[in-house]
Amino acid sequence: MSAENEKIVTDFCRAWSRMNLDEILAFMTDDAVYHNIPMAPARGKQAIRAVVNGFLKMADAIDFRILRTASNANVVMNERVDSFVYKGGKKGSVPVVGVFEVSGGKISAWRDYFDMKMAGVG
């Protein structure tokens, strides 16, 4: 089961490079929670849609490069570097640790931990 859950999370991270909102959201349960620490969590697919759409609208390109993955049962953790090419050509990258909970083949919880100053937002 852990290997299947790792594949779901890896495929989800790869989907971001295609910047297709519906494809990204298809990986998540309807009642999923996305918490970009320390911002307020987005609860439910509609709230997550708004957050993800905000990221997609500000970027011309997004890439989540997974460096390491570990899992236990339904929890998958990855260490990755998220890179963005923002509108206007500015580029930025930030190291991230993501913690995902998978239920029934979909992501039910997603928490990302990163340094907001490194991300250029703090």
PDB file of N, CA and C in Angstrom:
ATOM      1  N   MET A   1       0.817  -1.201   0.000  1.00  0.00           N
ATOM      2  CA  MET A   1       0.000   0.000   0.000  1.00  0.00           C
ATOM      3  C   MET A   1       0.857   1.259   0.000  1.00  0.00           C
ATOM      4  N   SER A   2       1.958   1.261   0.749  1.00  0.00           N
ATOM      5  CA  SER A   2       2.814   2.449   0.795  1.00  0.00           C
ATOM      6  C   SER A   2       3.330   2.821  -0.590  1.00  0.00           C
ATOM      7  N   ALA A   3       3.733   1.809  -1.376  1.00  0.00           N
ATOM      8  CA  ALA A   3       4.249   2.078  -2.722  1.00  0.00           C
ATOM      9  C   ALA A   3       3.167   2.704  -3.601  1.00  0.00           C
ATOM     10  N   GLU A   4       1.929   2.233  -3.485  1.00  0.00           N
ATOM     11  CA  GLU A   4       0.828   2.816  -4.252  1.00  0.00           C
ATOM     12  C   GLU A   4       0.596   4.266  -3.838  1.00  0.00           C
ATOM     13  N   ASN A   5       0.642   4.517  -2.548  1.00  0.00           N
ATOM     14  CA  ASN A   5       0.442   5.882  -2.053  1.00  0.00           C
ATOM     15  C   ASN A   5       1.572   6.801  -2.495  1.00  0.00           C
ATOM     16  N   GLU A   6       2.803   6.290  -2.493  1.00  0.00           N
ATOM     17  CA  GLU A   6       3.935   7.086  -2.979  1.00  0.00           C
ATOM     18  C   GLU A   6       3.733   7.459  -4.442  1.00  0.00           C
ATOM     19  N   LYS A   7       3.243   6.519  -5.254  1.00  0.00           N
ATOM     20  CA  LYS A   7       3.014   6.799  -6.677  1.00  0.00           C
ATOM     21  C   LYS A   7       1.950   7.876  -6.849  1.00  0.00           C
ATOM     22  N   ILE A   8       0.883   7.819  -6.055  1.00  0.00           N
ATOM     23  CA  ILE A   8      -0.166   8.835  -6.136  1.00  0.00           C
ATOM     24  C   ILE A   8       0.420  10.219  -5.850  1.00  0.00           C
ATOM     25  N   VAL A   9       1.221  10.328  -4.800  1.00  0.00           N
ATOM     26  CA  VAL A   9       1.816  11.622  -4.431  1.00  0.00           C
ATOM     27  C   VAL A   9       2.808  12.082  -5.489  1.00  0.00           C
ATOM     28  N   THR A  10       3.626  11.168  -6.002  1.00  0.00           N
ATOM     29  CA  THR A  10       4.580  11.526  -7.055  1.00  0.00           C
ATOM     30  C   THR A  10       3.853  12.002  -8.304  1.00  0.00           C
ATOM     31  N   ASP A  11       2.811  11.295  -8.706  1.00  0.00           N
ATOM     32  CA  ASP A  11       2.039  11.703  -9.882  1.00  0.00           C
ATOM     33  C   ASP A  11       1.376  13.066  -9.658  1.00  0.00           C
ATOM     34  N   PHE A  12       0.895  13.305  -8.436  1.00  0.00           N
ATOM     35  CA  PHE A  12       0.305  14.597  -8.085  1.00  0.00           C
ATOM     36  C   PHE A  12       1.341  15.722  -8.238  1.00  0.00           C
ATOM     37  N   CYS A  13       2.525  15.502  -7.707  1.00  0.00           N
ATOM     38  CA  CYS A  13       3.574  16.524  -7.806  1.00  0.00           C
ATOM     39  C   CYS A  13       3.957  16.782  -9.264  1.00  0.00           C
ATOM     40  N   ARG A  14       4.023  15.739 -10.060  1.00  0.00           N
ATOM     41  CA  ARG A  14       4.344  15.907 -11.490  1.00  0.00           C
ATOM     42  C   ARG A  14       3.242  16.649 -12.231  1.00  0.00           C
ATOM     43  N   ALA A  15       1.995  16.467 -11.801  1.00  0.00           N
ATOM     44  CA  ALA A  15       0.868  17.126 -12.474  1.00  0.00           C
ATOM     45  C   ALA A  15       0.991  18.646 -12.424  1.00  0.00           C
ATOM     46  N   TRP A  16       1.631  19.165 -11.391  1.00  0.00           N
ATOM     47  CA  TRP A  16       1.764  20.627 -11.269  1.00  0.00           C
ATOM     48  C   TRP A  16       2.479  21.235 -12.475  1.00  0.00           C
ATOM     49  N   SER A  17       3.410  20.498 -13.086  1.00  0.00           N
ATOM     50  CA  SER A  17       4.149  21.048 -14.228  1.00  0.00           C
ATOM     51  C   SER A  17       3.242  21.262 -15.440  1.00  0.00           C
ATOM     52  N   ARG A  18       2.113  20.562 -15.490  1.00  0.00           N
ATOM     53  CA  ARG A  18       1.173  20.738 -16.603  1.00  0.00           C
ATOM     54  C   ARG A  18       0.192  21.888 -16.339  1.00  0.00           C
ATOM     55  N   MET A  19       0.160  22.353 -15.089  1.00  0.00           N
ATOM     56  CA  MET A  19      -0.620  23.520 -14.693  1.00  0.00           C
ATOM     57  C   MET A  19      -2.096  23.401 -15.077  1.00  0.00           C
ATOM     58  N   ASN A  20      -2.642  22.199 -14.967  1.00  0.00           N
ATOM     59  CA  ASN A  20      -4.047  21.947 -15.265  1.00  0.00           C
ATOM     60  C   ASN A  20      -4.790  21.804 -13.941  1.00  0.00           C
ATOM     61  N   LEU A  21      -5.580  22.796 -13.595  1.00  0.00           N
ATOM     62  CA  LEU A  21      -6.259  22.848 -12.306  1.00  0.00           C
ATOM     63  C   LEU A  21      -7.116  21.607 -12.055  1.00  0.00           C
ATOM     64  N   ASP A  22      -7.900  21.199 -13.032  1.00  0.00           N
ATOM     65  CA  ASP A  22      -8.771  20.033 -12.843  1.00  0.00           C
ATOM     66  C   ASP A  22      -7.966  18.759 -12.634  1.00  0.00           C
ATOM     67  N   GLU A  23      -6.861  18.598 -13.350  1.00  0.00           N
ATOM     68  CA  GLU A  23      -6.011  17.422 -13.169  1.00  0.00           C
ATOM     69  C   GLU A  23      -5.422  17.387 -11.760  1.00  0.00           C
ATOM     70  N   ILE A  24      -4.933  18.511 -11.282  1.00  0.00           N
ATOM     71  CA  ILE A  24      -4.357  18.590  -9.939  1.00  0.00           C
ATOM     72  C   ILE A  24      -5.409  18.232  -8.894  1.00  0.00           C
ATOM     73  N   LEU A  25      -6.586  18.818  -9.013  1.00  0.00           N
ATOM     74  CA  LEU A  25      -7.644  18.581  -8.029  1.00  0.00           C
ATOM     75  C   LEU A  25      -8.188  17.157  -8.086  1.00  0.00           C
ATOM     76  N   ALA A  26      -8.065  16.487  -9.218  1.00  0.00           N
ATOM     77  CA  ALA A  26      -8.554  15.109  -9.347  1.00  0.00           C
ATOM     78  C   ALA A  26      -7.818  14.151  -8.409  1.00  0.00           C
ATOM     79  N   PHE A  27      -6.647  14.535  -7.934  1.00  0.00           N
ATOM     80  CA  PHE A  27      -5.882  13.703  -7.008  1.00  0.00           C
ATOM     81  C   PHE A  27      -6.405  13.805  -5.570  1.00  0.00           C
ATOM     82  N   MET A  28      -7.322  14.726  -5.308  1.00  0.00           N
ATOM     83  CA  MET A  28      -7.733  15.020  -3.933  1.00  0.00           C
ATOM     84  C   MET A  28      -9.166  14.578  -3.657  1.00  0.00           C
ATOM     85  N   THR A  29      -9.413  14.200  -2.397  1.00  0.00           N
ATOM     86  CA  THR A  29     -10.771  13.876  -1.981  1.00  0.00           C
ATOM     87  C   THR A  29     -11.587  15.163  -1.894  1.00  0.00           C
ATOM     88  N   ASP A  30     -12.905  15.037  -1.939  1.00  0.00           N
ATOM     89  CA  ASP A  30     -13.766  16.218  -1.864  1.00  0.00           C
ATOM     90  C   ASP A  30     -13.607  16.980  -0.553  1.00  0.00           C
ATOM     91  N   ASP A  31     -13.279  16.263   0.531  1.00  0.00           N
ATOM     92  CA  ASP A  31     -13.145  16.894   1.848  1.00  0.00           C
ATOM     93  C   ASP A  31     -11.681  17.073   2.271  1.00  0.00           C
ATOM     94  N   ALA A  32     -10.776  17.078   1.305  1.00  0.00           N
ATOM     95  CA  ALA A  32      -9.344  17.202   1.600  1.00  0.00           C
ATOM     96  C   ALA A  32      -9.045  18.516   2.314  1.00  0.00           C
ATOM     97  N   VAL A  33      -7.913  18.516   3.023  1.00  0.00           N
ATOM     98  CA  VAL A  33      -7.416  19.720   3.688  1.00  0.00           C
ATOM     99  C   VAL A  33      -6.004  19.978   3.169  1.00  0.00           C
ATOM    100  N   TYR A  34      -5.771  21.201   2.694  1.00  0.00           N
ATOM    101  CA  TYR A  34      -4.442  21.621   2.244  1.00  0.00           C
ATOM    102  C   TYR A  34      -3.983  22.718   3.188  1.00  0.00           C
ATOM    103  N   HIS A  35      -2.860  22.469   3.861  1.00  0.00           N
ATOM    104  CA  HIS A  35      -2.337  23.445   4.815  1.00  0.00           C
ATOM    105  C   HIS A  35      -0.922  23.814   4.409  1.00  0.00           C
ATOM    106  N   ASN A  36      -0.779  25.000   3.886  1.00  0.00           N
ATOM    107  CA  ASN A  36       0.509  25.575   3.536  1.00  0.00           C
ATOM    108  C   ASN A  36       0.979  26.304   4.795  1.00  0.00           C
ATOM    109  N   ILE A  37       1.760  25.615   5.619  1.00  0.00           N
ATOM    110  CA  ILE A  37       2.148  26.116   6.934  1.00  0.00           C
ATOM    111  C   ILE A  37       2.968  27.401   6.754  1.00  0.00           C
ATOM    112  N   PRO A  38       2.790  28.480   7.440  1.00  0.00           N
ATOM    113  CA  PRO A  38       1.871  28.737   8.535  1.00  0.00           C
ATOM    114  C   PRO A  38       0.605  29.481   8.109  1.00  0.00           C
ATOM    115  N   MET A  39       0.232  29.416   6.851  1.00  0.00           N
ATOM    116  CA  MET A  39      -0.999  30.061   6.390  1.00  0.00           C
ATOM    117  C   MET A  39      -2.217  29.258   6.863  1.00  0.00           C
ATOM    118  N   ALA A  40      -3.377  29.831   6.748  1.00  0.00           N
ATOM    119  CA  ALA A  40      -4.603  29.138   7.151  1.00  0.00           C
ATOM    120  C   ALA A  40      -4.868  27.956   6.221  1.00  0.00           C
ATOM    121  N   PRO A  41      -5.357  26.847   6.767  1.00  0.00           N
ATOM    122  CA  PRO A  41      -5.651  25.685   5.915  1.00  0.00           C
ATOM    123  C   PRO A  41      -6.853  25.928   5.006  1.00  0.00           C
ATOM    124  N   ALA A  42      -6.807  25.319   3.828  1.00  0.00           N
ATOM    125  CA  ALA A  42      -7.948  25.316   2.904  1.00  0.00           C
ATOM    126  C   ALA A  42      -8.654  23.981   3.099  1.00  0.00           C
ATOM    127  N   ARG A  43      -9.932  24.026   3.427  1.00  0.00           N
ATOM    128  CA  ARG A  43     -10.703  22.820   3.732  1.00  0.00           C
ATOM    129  C   ARG A  43     -11.743  22.569   2.654  1.00  0.00           C
ATOM    130  N   GLY A  44     -11.654  21.419   2.024  1.00  0.00           N
ATOM    131  CA  GLY A  44     -12.583  21.051   0.965  1.00  0.00           C
ATOM    132  C   GLY A  44     -12.038  21.419  -0.396  1.00  0.00           C
ATOM    133  N   LYS A  45     -12.491  20.664  -1.392  1.00  0.00           N
ATOM    134  CA  LYS A  45     -11.960  20.811  -2.740  1.00  0.00           C
ATOM    135  C   LYS A  45     -12.185  22.211  -3.318  1.00  0.00           C
ATOM    136  N   GLN A  46     -13.317  22.844  -3.001  1.00  0.00           N
ATOM    137  CA  GLN A  46     -13.574  24.184  -3.542  1.00  0.00           C
ATOM    138  C   GLN A  46     -12.598  25.216  -2.972  1.00  0.00           C
ATOM    139  N   ALA A  47     -12.315  25.128  -1.680  1.00  0.00           N
ATOM    140  CA  ALA A  47     -11.346  26.047  -1.068  1.00  0.00           C
ATOM    141  C   ALA A  47      -9.941  25.783  -1.613  1.00  0.00           C
ATOM    142  N   ILE A  48      -9.613  24.518  -1.785  1.00  0.00           N
ATOM    143  CA  ILE A  48      -8.304  24.161  -2.346  1.00  0.00           C
ATOM    144  C   ILE A  48      -8.205  24.654  -3.782  1.00  0.00           C
ATOM    145  N   ARG A  49      -9.286  24.546  -4.538  1.00  0.00           N
ATOM    146  CA  ARG A  49      -9.313  25.037  -5.920  1.00  0.00           C
ATOM    147  C   ARG A  49      -8.906  26.512  -5.963  1.00  0.00           C
ATOM    148  N   ALA A  50      -9.428  27.314  -5.061  1.00  0.00           N
ATOM    149  CA  ALA A  50      -9.116  28.745  -5.043  1.00  0.00           C
ATOM    150  C   ALA A  50      -7.634  28.982  -4.767  1.00  0.00           C
ATOM    151  N   VAL A  51      -7.067  28.230  -3.815  1.00  0.00           N
ATOM    152  CA  VAL A  51      -5.649  28.397  -3.476  1.00  0.00           C
ATOM    153  C   VAL A  51      -4.769  27.963  -4.643  1.00  0.00           C
ATOM    154  N   VAL A  52      -5.031  26.782  -5.179  1.00  0.00           N
ATOM    155  CA  VAL A  52      -4.221  26.259  -6.282  1.00  0.00           C
ATOM    156  C   VAL A  52      -4.335  27.171  -7.500  1.00  0.00           C
ATOM    157  N   ASN A  53      -5.547  27.632  -7.785  1.00  0.00           N
ATOM    158  CA  ASN A  53      -5.738  28.519  -8.923  1.00  0.00           C
ATOM    159  C   ASN A  53      -4.925  29.803  -8.758  1.00  0.00           C
ATOM    160  N   GLY A  54      -4.804  30.285  -7.525  1.00  0.00           N
ATOM    161  CA  GLY A  54      -3.974  31.463  -7.266  1.00  0.00           C
ATOM    162  C   GLY A  54      -2.519  31.228  -7.640  1.00  0.00           C
ATOM    163  N   PHE A  55      -2.003  30.044  -7.297  1.00  0.00           N
ATOM    164  CA  PHE A  55      -0.626  29.705  -7.680  1.00  0.00           C
ATOM    165  C   PHE A  55      -0.492  29.628  -9.199  1.00  0.00           C
ATOM    166  N   LEU A  56      -1.437  28.975  -9.832  1.00  0.00           N
ATOM    167  CA  LEU A  56      -1.365  28.791 -11.282  1.00  0.00           C
ATOM    168  C   LEU A  56      -1.441  30.126 -12.019  1.00  0.00           C
ATOM    169  N   LYS A  57      -2.265  31.047 -11.540  1.00  0.00           N
ATOM    170  CA  LYS A  57      -2.433  32.335 -12.213  1.00  0.00           C
ATOM    171  C   LYS A  57      -1.198  33.215 -12.108  1.00  0.00           C
ATOM    172  N   MET A  58      -0.393  33.034 -11.065  1.00  0.00           N
ATOM    173  CA  MET A  58       0.770  33.907 -10.884  1.00  0.00           C
ATOM    174  C   MET A  58       2.019  33.367 -11.595  1.00  0.00           C
ATOM    175  N   ALA A  59       1.913  32.180 -12.208  1.00  0.00           N
ATOM    176  CA  ALA A  59       3.104  31.547 -12.770  1.00  0.00           C
ATOM    177  C   ALA A  59       2.919  31.186 -14.241  1.00  0.00           C
ATOM    178  N   ASP A  60       4.050  31.212 -14.947  1.00  0.00           N
ATOM    179  CA  ASP A  60       4.092  30.693 -16.317  1.00  0.00           C
ATOM    180  C   ASP A  60       4.550  29.234 -16.320  1.00  0.00           C
ATOM    181  N   ALA A  61       5.264  28.844 -15.260  1.00  0.00           N
ATOM    182  CA  ALA A  61       5.741  27.459 -15.157  1.00  0.00           C
ATOM    183  C   ALA A  61       5.919  27.114 -13.685  1.00  0.00           C
ATOM    184  N   ILE A  62       5.628  25.848 -13.352  1.00  0.00           N
ATOM    185  CA  ILE A  62       5.793  25.335 -11.993  1.00  0.00           C
ATOM    186  C   ILE A  62       6.403  23.945 -12.095  1.00  0.00           C
ATOM    187  N   ASP A  63       7.356  23.667 -11.211  1.00  0.00           N
ATOM    188  CA  ASP A  63       7.968  22.339 -11.174  1.00  0.00           C
ATOM    189  C   ASP A  63       8.211  21.940  -9.726  1.00  0.00           C
ATOM    190  N   PHE A  64       7.690  20.785  -9.327  1.00  0.00           N
ATOM    191  CA  PHE A  64       7.968  20.211  -8.006  1.00  0.00           C
ATOM    192  C   PHE A  64       8.984  19.091  -8.228  1.00  0.00           C
ATOM    193  N   ARG A  65      10.235  19.325  -7.838  1.00  0.00           N
ATOM    194  CA  ARG A  65      11.282  18.307  -8.014  1.00  0.00           C
ATOM    195  C   ARG A  65      11.444  17.542  -6.708  1.00  0.00           C
ATOM    196  N   ILE A  66      11.051  16.279  -6.728  1.00  0.00           N
ATOM    197  CA  ILE A  66      11.133  15.439  -5.531  1.00  0.00           C
ATOM    198  C   ILE A  66      12.567  14.936  -5.364  1.00  0.00           C
ATOM    199  N   LEU A  67      13.124  15.170  -4.172  1.00  0.00           N
ATOM    200  CA  LEU A  67      14.472  14.716  -3.860  1.00  0.00           C
ATOM    201  C   LEU A  67      14.457  13.379  -3.120  1.00  0.00           C
ATOM    202  N   ARG A  68      13.531  13.235  -2.177  1.00  0.00           N
ATOM    203  CA  ARG A  68      13.419  12.022  -1.367  1.00  0.00           C
ATOM    204  C   ARG A  68      11.954  11.785  -1.011  1.00  0.00           C
ATOM    205  N   THR A  69      11.620  10.506  -0.860  1.00  0.00           N
ATOM    206  CA  THR A  69      10.261  10.132  -0.452  1.00  0.00           C
ATOM    207  C   THR A  69      10.353   9.052   0.607  1.00  0.00           C
ATOM    208  N   ALA A  70       9.494   9.163   1.607  1.00  0.00           N
ATOM    209  CA  ALA A  70       9.369   8.134   2.644  1.00  0.00           C
ATOM    210  C   ALA A  70       7.881   7.965   2.921  1.00  0.00           C
ATOM    211  N   SER A  71       7.503   6.736   3.293  1.00  0.00           N
ATOM    212  CA  SER A  71       6.086   6.525   3.581  1.00  0.00           C
ATOM    213  C   SER A  71       5.917   5.446   4.631  1.00  0.00           C
ATOM    214  N   ASN A  72       4.777   5.512   5.282  1.00  0.00           N
ATOM    215  CA  ASN A  72       4.360   4.504   6.253  1.00  0.00           C
ATOM    216  C   ASN A  72       2.843   4.446   6.168  1.00  0.00           C
ATOM    217  N   ALA A  73       2.335   3.310   5.749  1.00  0.00           N
ATOM    218  CA  ALA A  73       0.891   3.116   5.593  1.00  0.00           C
ATOM    219  C   ALA A  73       0.329   4.192   4.674  1.00  0.00           C
ATOM    220  N   ASN A  74      -0.597   5.020   5.181  1.00  0.00           N
ATOM    221  CA  ASN A  74      -1.240   6.007   4.312  1.00  0.00           C
ATOM    222  C   ASN A  74      -0.559   7.380   4.327  1.00  0.00           C
ATOM    223  N   VAL A  75       0.573   7.522   5.015  1.00  0.00           N
ATOM    224  CA  VAL A  75       1.277   8.803   5.074  1.00  0.00           C
ATOM    225  C   VAL A  75       2.510   8.758   4.176  1.00  0.00           C
ATOM    226  N   VAL A  76       2.612   9.762   3.304  1.00  0.00           N
ATOM    227  CA  VAL A  76       3.748   9.894   2.395  1.00  0.00           C
ATOM    228  C   VAL A  76       4.381  11.249   2.665  1.00  0.00           C
ATOM    229  N   MET A  77       5.704  11.247   2.836  1.00  0.00           N
ATOM    230  CA  MET A  77       6.436  12.495   3.033  1.00  0.00           C
ATOM    231  C   MET A  77       7.443  12.637   1.900  1.00  0.00           C
ATOM    232  N   ASN A  78       7.568  13.867   1.400  1.00  0.00           N
ATOM    233  CA  ASN A  78       8.620  14.085   0.416  1.00  0.00           C
ATOM    234  C   ASN A  78       9.378  15.367   0.722  1.00  0.00           C
ATOM    235  N   GLU A  79      10.642  15.313   0.381  1.00  0.00           N
ATOM    236  CA  GLU A  79      11.501  16.495   0.406  1.00  0.00           C
ATOM    237  C   GLU A  79      11.647  16.900  -1.044  1.00  0.00           C
ATOM    238  N   ARG A  80      11.367  18.164  -1.321  1.00  0.00           N
ATOM    239  CA  ARG A  80      11.397  18.572  -2.721  1.00  0.00           C
ATOM    240  C   ARG A  80      11.815  20.039  -2.848  1.00  0.00           C
ATOM    241  N   VAL A  81      12.044  20.444  -4.073  1.00  0.00           N
ATOM    242  CA  VAL A  81      12.298  21.840  -4.391  1.00  0.00           C
ATOM    243  C   VAL A  81      11.197  22.270  -5.354  1.00  0.00           C
ATOM    244  N   ASP A  82      10.420  23.256  -4.928  1.00  0.00           N
ATOM    245  CA  ASP A  82       9.356  23.796  -5.772  1.00  0.00           C
ATOM    246  C   ASP A  82       9.900  25.026  -6.482  1.00  0.00           C
ATOM    247  N   SER A  83       9.826  25.006  -7.815  1.00  0.00           N
ATOM    248  CA  SER A  83      10.347  26.111  -8.618  1.00  0.00           C
ATOM    249  C   SER A  83       9.226  26.739  -9.427  1.00  0.00           C
ATOM    250  N   PHE A  84       9.295  28.053  -9.536  1.00  0.00           N
ATOM    251  CA  PHE A  84       8.276  28.821 -10.241  1.00  0.00           C
ATOM    252  C   PHE A  84       8.942  29.776 -11.218  1.00  0.00           C
ATOM    253  N   VAL A  85       8.342  29.935 -12.387  1.00  0.00           N
ATOM    254  CA  VAL A  85       8.650  31.042 -13.281  1.00  0.00           C
ATOM    255  C   VAL A  85       7.398  31.909 -13.224  1.00  0.00           C
ATOM    256  N   TYR A  86       7.532  33.061 -12.571  1.00  0.00           N
ATOM    257  CA  TYR A  86       6.394  33.946 -12.361  1.00  0.00           C
ATOM    258  C   TYR A  86       6.106  34.756 -13.619  1.00  0.00           C
ATOM    259  N   LYS A  87       4.892  35.259 -13.707  1.00  0.00           N
ATOM    260  CA  LYS A  87       4.536  36.168 -14.797  1.00  0.00           C
ATOM    261  C   LYS A  87       5.552  37.297 -14.798  1.00  0.00           C
ATOM    262  N   GLY A  88       6.057  37.653 -15.959  1.00  0.00           N
ATOM    263  CA  GLY A  88       7.080  38.688 -16.057  1.00  0.00           C
ATOM    264  C   GLY A  88       8.485  38.124 -16.075  1.00  0.00           C
ATOM    265  N   GLY A  89       8.628  36.805 -15.889  1.00  0.00           N
ATOM    266  CA  GLY A  89       9.922  36.164 -16.039  1.00  0.00           C
ATOM    267  C   GLY A  89      10.727  35.920 -14.786  1.00  0.00           C
ATOM    268  N   LYS A  90      10.341  36.494 -13.647  1.00  0.00           N
ATOM    269  CA  LYS A  90      11.082  36.263 -12.414  1.00  0.00           C
ATOM    270  C   LYS A  90      10.989  34.783 -12.032  1.00  0.00           C
ATOM    271  N   LYS A  91      12.106  34.247 -11.529  1.00  0.00           N
ATOM    272  CA  LYS A  91      12.156  32.841 -11.132  1.00  0.00           C
ATOM    273  C   LYS A  91      12.402  32.731  -9.640  1.00  0.00           C
ATOM    274  N   GLY A  92      11.901  31.673  -9.056  1.00  0.00           N
ATOM    275  CA  GLY A  92      12.138  31.422  -7.641  1.00  0.00           C
ATOM    276  C   GLY A  92      12.004  29.948  -7.322  1.00  0.00           C
ATOM    277  N   SER A  93      12.770  29.492  -6.337  1.00  0.00           N
ATOM    278  CA  SER A  93      12.720  28.106  -5.879  1.00  0.00           C
ATOM    279  C   SER A  93      12.769  28.092  -4.369  1.00  0.00           C
ATOM    280  N   VAL A  94      12.110  27.101  -3.780  1.00  0.00           N
ATOM    281  CA  VAL A  94      12.086  26.985  -2.328  1.00  0.00           C
ATOM    282  C   VAL A  94      12.116  25.506  -1.942  1.00  0.00           C
ATOM    283  N   PRO A  95      12.979  25.143  -0.961  1.00  0.00           N
ATOM    284  CA  PRO A  95      12.936  23.774  -0.453  1.00  0.00           C
ATOM    285  C   PRO A  95      11.684  23.577   0.399  1.00  0.00           C
ATOM    286  N   VAL A  96      11.052  22.415   0.240  1.00  0.00           N
ATOM    287  CA  VAL A  96       9.779  22.125   0.899  1.00  0.00           C
ATOM    288  C   VAL A  96       9.796  20.699   1.432  1.00  0.00           C
ATOM    289  N   VAL A  97       9.149  20.488   2.559  1.00  0.00           N
ATOM    290  CA  VAL A  97       8.821  19.142   3.020  1.00  0.00           C
ATOM    291  C   VAL A  97       7.306  19.036   2.965  1.00  0.00           C
ATOM    292  N   GLY A  98       6.826  18.051   2.235  1.00  0.00           N
ATOM    293  CA  GLY A  98       5.387  17.827   2.110  1.00  0.00           C
ATOM    294  C   GLY A  98       4.982  16.567   2.858  1.00  0.00           C
ATOM    295  N   VAL A  99       3.866  16.649   3.559  1.00  0.00           N
ATOM    296  CA  VAL A  99       3.300  15.494   4.262  1.00  0.00           C
ATOM    297  C   VAL A  99       1.903  15.281   3.692  1.00  0.00           C
ATOM    298  N   PHE A 100       1.670  14.096   3.170  1.00  0.00           N
ATOM    299  CA  PHE A 100       0.415  13.773   2.507  1.00  0.00           C
ATOM    300  C   PHE A 100      -0.236  12.581   3.197  1.00  0.00           C
ATOM    301  N   GLU A 101      -1.534  12.635   3.341  1.00  0.00           N
ATOM    302  CA  GLU A 101      -2.305  11.487   3.800  1.00  0.00           C
ATOM    303  C   GLU A 101      -3.166  11.040   2.631  1.00  0.00           C
ATOM    304  N   VAL A 102      -3.129   9.744   2.343  1.00  0.00           N
ATOM    305  CA  VAL A 102      -3.851   9.193   1.207  1.00  0.00           C
ATOM    306  C   VAL A 102      -4.951   8.275   1.722  1.00  0.00           C
ATOM    307  N   SER A 103      -6.134   8.442   1.151  1.00  0.00           N
ATOM    308  CA  SER A 103      -7.286   7.634   1.549  1.00  0.00           C
ATOM    309  C   SER A 103      -8.070   7.250   0.300  1.00  0.00           C
ATOM    310  N   GLY A 104      -8.280   5.956   0.101  1.00  0.00           N
ATOM    311  CA  GLY A 104      -9.056   5.509  -1.052  1.00  0.00           C
ATOM    312  C   GLY A 104      -8.462   5.905  -2.380  1.00  0.00           C
ATOM    313  N   GLY A 105      -7.142   5.986  -2.459  1.00  0.00           N
ATOM    314  CA  GLY A 105      -6.472   6.318  -3.707  1.00  0.00           C
ATOM    315  C   GLY A 105      -6.391   7.800  -4.022  1.00  0.00           C
ATOM    316  N   LYS A 106      -6.790   8.654  -3.058  1.00  0.00           N
ATOM    317  CA  LYS A 106      -6.711  10.100  -3.273  1.00  0.00           C
ATOM    318  C   LYS A 106      -6.083  10.773  -2.059  1.00  0.00           C
ATOM    319  N   ILE A 107      -5.584  11.963  -2.260  1.00  0.00           N
ATOM    320  CA  ILE A 107      -4.971  12.735  -1.184  1.00  0.00           C
ATOM    321  C   ILE A 107      -6.082  13.369  -0.347  1.00  0.00           C
ATOM    322  N   SER A 108      -6.071  13.045   0.953  1.00  0.00           N
ATOM    323  CA  SER A 108      -7.093  13.598   1.850  1.00  0.00           C
ATOM    324  C   SER A 108      -6.539  14.731   2.719  1.00  0.00           C
ATOM    325  N   ALA A 109      -5.237  14.791   2.859  1.00  0.00           N
ATOM    326  CA  ALA A 109      -4.597  15.877   3.604  1.00  0.00           C
ATOM    327  C   ALA A 109      -3.226  16.136   2.988  1.00  0.00           C
ATOM    328  N   TRP A 110      -2.866  17.421   2.929  1.00  0.00           N
ATOM    329  CA  TRP A 110      -1.583  17.831   2.364  1.00  0.00           C
ATOM    330  C   TRP A 110      -1.090  19.017   3.175  1.00  0.00           C
ATOM    331  N   ARG A 111       0.082  18.825   3.793  1.00  0.00           N
ATOM    332  CA  ARG A 111       0.717  19.895   4.561  1.00  0.00           C
ATOM    333  C   ARG A 111       2.105  20.144   3.977  1.00  0.00           C
ATOM    334  N   ASP A 112       2.396  21.391   3.663  1.00  0.00           N
ATOM    335  CA  ASP A 112       3.715  21.776   3.171  1.00  0.00           C
ATOM    336  C   ASP A 112       4.401  22.660   4.195  1.00  0.00           C
ATOM    337  N   TYR A 113       5.650  22.349   4.490  1.00  0.00           N
ATOM    338  CA  TYR A 113       6.462  23.104   5.441  1.00  0.00           C
ATOM    339  C   TYR A 113       7.637  23.705   4.677  1.00  0.00           C
ATOM    340  N   PHE A 114       7.827  25.026   4.819  1.00  0.00           N
ATOM    341  CA  PHE A 114       8.905  25.718   4.128  1.00  0.00           C
ATOM    342  C   PHE A 114       9.188  27.025   4.851  1.00  0.00           C
ATOM    343  N   ASP A 115      10.296  27.632   4.519  1.00  0.00           N
ATOM    344  CA  ASP A 115      10.679  28.929   5.093  1.00  0.00           C
ATOM    345  C   ASP A 115      10.087  30.018   4.216  1.00  0.00           C
ATOM    346  N   MET A 116       9.157  30.799   4.760  1.00  0.00           N
ATOM    347  CA  MET A 116       8.482  31.817   3.960  1.00  0.00           C
ATOM    348  C   MET A 116       9.443  32.878   3.441  1.00  0.00           C
ATOM    349  N   LYS A 117      10.523  33.155   4.166  1.00  0.00           N
ATOM    350  CA  LYS A 117      11.499  34.137   3.679  1.00  0.00           C
ATOM    351  C   LYS A 117      12.218  33.606   2.451  1.00  0.00           C
ATOM    352  N   MET A 118      12.531  32.311   2.451  1.00  0.00           N
ATOM    353  CA  MET A 118      13.176  31.726   1.269  1.00  0.00           C
ATOM    354  C   MET A 118      12.232  31.723   0.081  1.00  0.00           C
ATOM    355  N   ALA A 119      10.929  31.626   0.375  1.00  0.00           N
ATOM    356  CA  ALA A 119       9.930  31.622  -0.687  1.00  0.00           C
ATOM    357  C   ALA A 119       9.665  33.033  -1.216  1.00  0.00           C
ATOM    358  N   GLY A 120      10.219  34.032  -0.536  1.00  0.00           N
ATOM    359  CA  GLY A 120      10.035  35.412  -0.970  1.00  0.00           C
ATOM    360  C   GLY A 120       8.702  36.012  -0.559  1.00  0.00           C
ATOM    361  N   VAL A 121       8.027  35.388   0.423  1.00  0.00           N
ATOM    362  CA  VAL A 121       6.740  35.900   0.865  1.00  0.00           C
ATOM    363  C   VAL A 121       6.747  36.296   2.330  1.00  0.00           C
ATOM    364  N   GLY A 122       7.872  36.152   3.013  1.00  0.00           N
ATOM    365  CA  GLY A 122       7.901  36.466   4.437  1.00  0.00           C
ATOM    366  C   GLY A 122       8.866  37.536   4.792  1.00  0.00           C
TER     367      GLY A 122
END
